[in-house]
Amino acid sequence: MNYAHELTTLDALGDALGDALGEALGFGQGARTAPSGTWRVARPTTQTGGFESEELLLVIEGLRPIAIAGRHVDPGSYRVRIDEARERIVLENDERTYALTAFFRPNKQGRGQGVTLAPRAADGRHLLAVRTSRKAEWVA
C-alpha cells in the first residue's frame, strides 16, 4: 500500500511550474482541473442474496494528483468511508489508502448520503465533503 505524503515546498513549486508550462503550451487551467464523479454502488451480499448498504465511490480524473487536506491524491476510483475515532476521511482502493484529516459539521446542503469534491481553488487545493446523513457531514 502507498500512503499519502505531506505537501512540501517542492510539491508547491512543481505545481506552479506545471501550471506555467501548461499555459505556455496552450493547455491552460483546463488541463489541471480534475472533474470528478461520485456514485453509490450497492454490493451483493453472500449471506442474504440481497444487497449491503450502499458504498460511496469517488472518481478523480486527470493526469496529475490533486491536493486535498494537505495531501496529494492520485487520480483513480476510491471507496470512501469515515473513521470517526481518528477524525479522518479514508479514501482507499486496491493500490492506495489516504487518511485525510477532517472535521465534522452540520450538513449545509440538506441532501442525503454522498460525496462532493469542490473544484480547484486559487491556492490549488480541493474541498472534499462526505455527507453521512441529511444532518451531518465531514469535510477535508
C-alpha atoms as a PDB file:
ATOM      1  CA  MET A   1       0.000   0.000   0.000  1.00  0.00           C
ATOM      2  CA  ASN A   2       1.181   3.507  -0.791  1.00  0.00           C
ATOM      3  CA  TYR A   3       0.347   6.104   1.785  1.00  0.00           C
ATOM      4  CA  ALA A   4      -0.132   9.790   1.058  1.00  0.00           C
ATOM      5  CA  HIS A   5       2.676  12.195   1.786  1.00  0.00           C
ATOM      6  CA  GLU A   6       2.704  15.684   3.258  1.00  0.00           C
ATOM      7  CA  LEU A   7       2.761  18.583   0.805  1.00  0.00           C
ATOM      8  CA  THR A   8       6.164  20.230   0.671  1.00  0.00           C
ATOM      9  CA  THR A   9       7.507  23.452  -0.796  1.00  0.00           C
ATOM     10  CA  LEU A  10       8.948  21.387  -3.644  1.00  0.00           C
ATOM     11  CA  ASP A  11       5.458  19.997  -4.396  1.00  0.00           C
ATOM     12  CA  ALA A  12       4.022  23.525  -4.495  1.00  0.00           C
ATOM     13  CA  LEU A  13       6.871  24.667  -6.765  1.00  0.00           C
ATOM     14  CA  GLY A  14       6.258  21.693  -9.072  1.00  0.00           C
ATOM     15  CA  ASP A  15       2.551  22.544  -9.263  1.00  0.00           C
ATOM     16  CA  ALA A  16       3.333  26.188 -10.065  1.00  0.00           C
ATOM     17  CA  LEU A  17       5.860  25.201 -12.760  1.00  0.00           C
ATOM     18  CA  GLY A  18       3.400  22.684 -14.204  1.00  0.00           C
ATOM     19  CA  ASP A  19       0.704  25.360 -14.411  1.00  0.00           C
ATOM     20  CA  ALA A  20       3.084  27.834 -16.068  1.00  0.00           C
ATOM     21  CA  LEU A  21       4.315  25.241 -18.578  1.00  0.00           C
ATOM     22  CA  GLY A  22       0.753  24.134 -19.337  1.00  0.00           C
ATOM     23  CA  GLU A  23      -0.291  27.718 -20.062  1.00  0.00           C
ATOM     24  CA  ALA A  24       2.805  28.315 -22.202  1.00  0.00           C
ATOM     25  CA  LEU A  25       1.998  25.204 -24.257  1.00  0.00           C
ATOM     26  CA  GLY A  26      -1.655  26.201 -24.584  1.00  0.00           C
ATOM     27  CA  PHE A  27      -3.155  23.706 -22.157  1.00  0.00           C
ATOM     28  CA  GLY A  28      -4.312  26.408 -19.722  1.00  0.00           C
ATOM     29  CA  GLN A  29      -6.101  25.791 -16.463  1.00  0.00           C
ATOM     30  CA  GLY A  30      -8.491  23.339 -18.100  1.00  0.00           C
ATOM     31  CA  ALA A  31      -5.720  20.759 -18.231  1.00  0.00           C
ATOM     32  CA  ARG A  32      -5.213  20.899 -14.458  1.00  0.00           C
ATOM     33  CA  THR A  33      -8.822  20.810 -13.346  1.00  0.00           C
ATOM     34  CA  ALA A  34      -9.930  17.488 -12.005  1.00  0.00           C
ATOM     35  CA  PRO A  35     -13.518  16.757 -12.824  1.00  0.00           C
ATOM     36  CA  SER A  36     -14.788  14.047 -10.584  1.00  0.00           C
ATOM     37  CA  GLY A  37     -17.848  11.976 -10.181  1.00  0.00           C
ATOM     38  CA  THR A  38     -19.399  10.252  -7.239  1.00  0.00           C
ATOM     39  CA  TRP A  39     -21.528   7.161  -7.275  1.00  0.00           C
ATOM     40  CA  ARG A  40     -23.266   4.966  -4.783  1.00  0.00           C
ATOM     41  CA  VAL A  41     -22.679   1.304  -5.501  1.00  0.00           C
ATOM     42  CA  ALA A  42     -24.718  -1.450  -3.893  1.00  0.00           C
ATOM     43  CA  ARG A  43     -22.602  -4.549  -3.270  1.00  0.00           C
ATOM     44  CA  PRO A  44     -24.199  -8.014  -3.293  1.00  0.00           C
ATOM     45  CA  THR A  45     -24.029  -9.908  -0.029  1.00  0.00           C
ATOM     46  CA  THR A  46     -23.197 -13.575   0.127  1.00  0.00           C
ATOM     47  CA  GLN A  47     -25.307 -14.295   3.196  1.00  0.00           C
ATOM     48  CA  THR A  48     -28.724 -12.982   2.251  1.00  0.00           C
ATOM     49  CA  GLY A  49     -28.515 -12.856  -1.516  1.00  0.00           C
ATOM     50  CA  GLY A  50     -29.593  -9.215  -1.299  1.00  0.00           C
ATOM     51  CA  PHE A  51     -27.514  -6.073  -1.230  1.00  0.00           C
ATOM     52  CA  GLU A  52     -25.434  -4.492   1.534  1.00  0.00           C
ATOM     53  CA  SER A  53     -25.728  -0.830   2.333  1.00  0.00           C
ATOM     54  CA  GLU A  54     -24.623   1.460  -0.433  1.00  0.00           C
ATOM     55  CA  GLU A  55     -20.914   2.169  -0.724  1.00  0.00           C
ATOM     56  CA  LEU A  56     -19.691   5.651  -1.651  1.00  0.00           C
ATOM     57  CA  LEU A  57     -17.206   5.932  -4.511  1.00  0.00           C
ATOM     58  CA  LEU A  58     -15.154   8.954  -5.546  1.00  0.00           C
ATOM     59  CA  VAL A  59     -13.593   9.105  -9.017  1.00  0.00           C
ATOM     60  CA  ILE A  60     -10.767  11.579  -9.554  1.00  0.00           C
ATOM     61  CA  GLU A  61      -9.932  12.091 -13.202  1.00  0.00           C
ATOM     62  CA  GLY A  62      -6.868  13.700 -14.707  1.00  0.00           C
ATOM     63  CA  LEU A  63      -3.188  13.047 -15.199  1.00  0.00           C
ATOM     64  CA  ARG A  64      -1.780  14.555 -12.004  1.00  0.00           C
ATOM     65  CA  PRO A  65      -2.540  14.199  -8.312  1.00  0.00           C
ATOM     66  CA  ILE A  66      -4.798  16.812  -6.721  1.00  0.00           C
ATOM     67  CA  ALA A  67      -4.348  18.483  -3.324  1.00  0.00           C
ATOM     68  CA  ILE A  68      -6.928  17.599  -0.657  1.00  0.00           C
ATOM     69  CA  ALA A  69      -6.378  18.278   3.064  1.00  0.00           C
ATOM     70  CA  GLY A  70      -2.638  18.799   2.673  1.00  0.00           C
ATOM     71  CA  ARG A  71      -2.091  15.590   0.688  1.00  0.00           C
ATOM     72  CA  HIS A  72      -1.646  14.795  -2.989  1.00  0.00           C
ATOM     73  CA  VAL A  73      -4.278  12.249  -4.011  1.00  0.00           C
ATOM     74  CA  ASP A  74      -3.584  10.320  -7.216  1.00  0.00           C
ATOM     75  CA  PRO A  75      -6.287  10.056  -9.902  1.00  0.00           C
ATOM     76  CA  GLY A  76      -8.404   6.921  -9.688  1.00  0.00           C
ATOM     77  CA  SER A  77     -11.525   5.380  -8.163  1.00  0.00           C
ATOM     78  CA  TYR A  78     -11.709   5.266  -4.371  1.00  0.00           C
ATOM     79  CA  ARG A  79     -14.089   3.783  -1.822  1.00  0.00           C
ATOM     80  CA  VAL A  80     -14.946   6.465   0.740  1.00  0.00           C
ATOM     81  CA  ARG A  81     -15.511   5.848   4.443  1.00  0.00           C
ATOM     82  CA  ILE A  82     -15.332   7.850   7.664  1.00  0.00           C
ATOM     83  CA  ASP A  83     -13.042   6.913  10.573  1.00  0.00           C
ATOM     84  CA  GLU A  84     -14.832   8.854  13.312  1.00  0.00           C
ATOM     85  CA  ALA A  85     -12.458   7.748  16.099  1.00  0.00           C
ATOM     86  CA  ARG A  86      -9.466   9.322  14.322  1.00  0.00           C
ATOM     87  CA  GLU A  87     -11.485  12.113  12.640  1.00  0.00           C
ATOM     88  CA  ARG A  88     -10.454  11.097   9.134  1.00  0.00           C
ATOM     89  CA  ILE A  89     -11.995  10.648   5.716  1.00  0.00           C
ATOM     90  CA  VAL A  90     -10.459   7.481   4.297  1.00  0.00           C
ATOM     91  CA  LEU A  91     -10.089   7.020   0.531  1.00  0.00           C
ATOM     92  CA  GLU A  92      -8.995   3.537  -0.464  1.00  0.00           C
ATOM     93  CA  ASN A  93      -8.655   1.276  -3.455  1.00  0.00           C
ATOM     94  CA  ASP A  94      -6.592  -1.834  -4.192  1.00  0.00           C
ATOM     95  CA  GLU A  95      -3.391   0.203  -4.637  1.00  0.00           C
ATOM     96  CA  ARG A  96      -3.569   3.112  -2.190  1.00  0.00           C
ATOM     97  CA  THR A  97      -5.046   4.345   1.064  1.00  0.00           C
ATOM     98  CA  TYR A  98      -5.335   8.005   2.018  1.00  0.00           C
ATOM     99  CA  ALA A  99      -6.427   9.076   5.514  1.00  0.00           C
ATOM    100  CA  LEU A 100      -7.373  12.758   5.262  1.00  0.00           C
ATOM    101  CA  THR A 101      -7.739  14.870   8.393  1.00  0.00           C
ATOM    102  CA  ALA A 102     -11.342  16.082   8.522  1.00  0.00           C
ATOM    103  CA  PHE A 103     -13.796  17.921  10.727  1.00  0.00           C
ATOM    104  CA  PHE A 104     -17.462  17.332  11.449  1.00  0.00           C
ATOM    105  CA  ARG A 105     -20.147  19.936  10.768  1.00  0.00           C
ATOM    106  CA  PRO A 106     -23.879  20.130  10.144  1.00  0.00           C
ATOM    107  CA  ASN A 107     -24.846  19.192   6.580  1.00  0.00           C
ATOM    108  CA  LYS A 108     -25.226  22.515   4.780  1.00  0.00           C
ATOM    109  CA  GLN A 109     -26.805  21.070   1.634  1.00  0.00           C
ATOM    110  CA  GLY A 110     -29.545  19.123   3.388  1.00  0.00           C
ATOM    111  CA  ARG A 111     -29.108  16.219   0.972  1.00  0.00           C
ATOM    112  CA  GLY A 112     -28.656  12.599   1.989  1.00  0.00           C
ATOM    113  CA  GLN A 113     -25.548  10.439   1.887  1.00  0.00           C
ATOM    114  CA  GLY A 114     -22.981  11.403  -0.771  1.00  0.00           C
ATOM    115  CA  VAL A 115     -19.555  12.783  -1.645  1.00  0.00           C
ATOM    116  CA  THR A 116     -18.696  16.172  -3.164  1.00  0.00           C
ATOM    117  CA  LEU A 117     -15.310  17.309  -4.444  1.00  0.00           C
ATOM    118  CA  ALA A 118     -15.269  21.090  -4.941  1.00  0.00           C
ATOM    119  CA  PRO A 119     -13.313  22.479  -7.900  1.00  0.00           C
ATOM    120  CA  ARG A 120      -9.754  23.677  -7.563  1.00  0.00           C
ATOM    121  CA  ALA A 121      -9.382  26.858  -5.511  1.00  0.00           C
ATOM    122  CA  ALA A 122      -6.874  29.633  -6.253  1.00  0.00           C
ATOM    123  CA  ASP A 123      -4.345  28.047  -3.870  1.00  0.00           C
ATOM    124  CA  GLY A 124      -4.555  24.695  -5.709  1.00  0.00           C
ATOM    125  CA  ARG A 125      -6.498  22.790  -3.039  1.00  0.00           C
ATOM    126  CA  HIS A 126      -9.797  20.983  -3.305  1.00  0.00           C
ATOM    127  CA  LEU A 127     -12.536  20.647  -0.686  1.00  0.00           C
ATOM    128  CA  LEU A 128     -13.889  17.148  -0.070  1.00  0.00           C
ATOM    129  CA  ALA A 129     -17.226  16.818   1.739  1.00  0.00           C
ATOM    130  CA  VAL A 130     -18.728  13.463   2.733  1.00  0.00           C
ATOM    131  CA  ARG A 131     -22.374  13.600   3.771  1.00  0.00           C
ATOM    132  CA  THR A 132     -23.191  10.809   6.194  1.00  0.00           C
ATOM    133  CA  SER A 133     -26.839  11.804   6.636  1.00  0.00           C
ATOM    134  CA  ARG A 134     -29.196  14.693   5.956  1.00  0.00           C
ATOM    135  CA  LYS A 135     -27.900  16.400   9.106  1.00  0.00           C
ATOM    136  CA  ALA A 136     -24.150  15.645   9.227  1.00  0.00           C
ATOM    137  CA  GLU A 137     -21.077  15.821   7.000  1.00  0.00           C
ATOM    138  CA  TRP A 138     -17.303  15.505   7.261  1.00  0.00           C
ATOM    139  CA  VAL A 139     -15.057  17.977   5.419  1.00  0.00           C
ATOM    140  CA  ALA A 140     -11.382  17.703   4.428  1.00  0.00           C
END
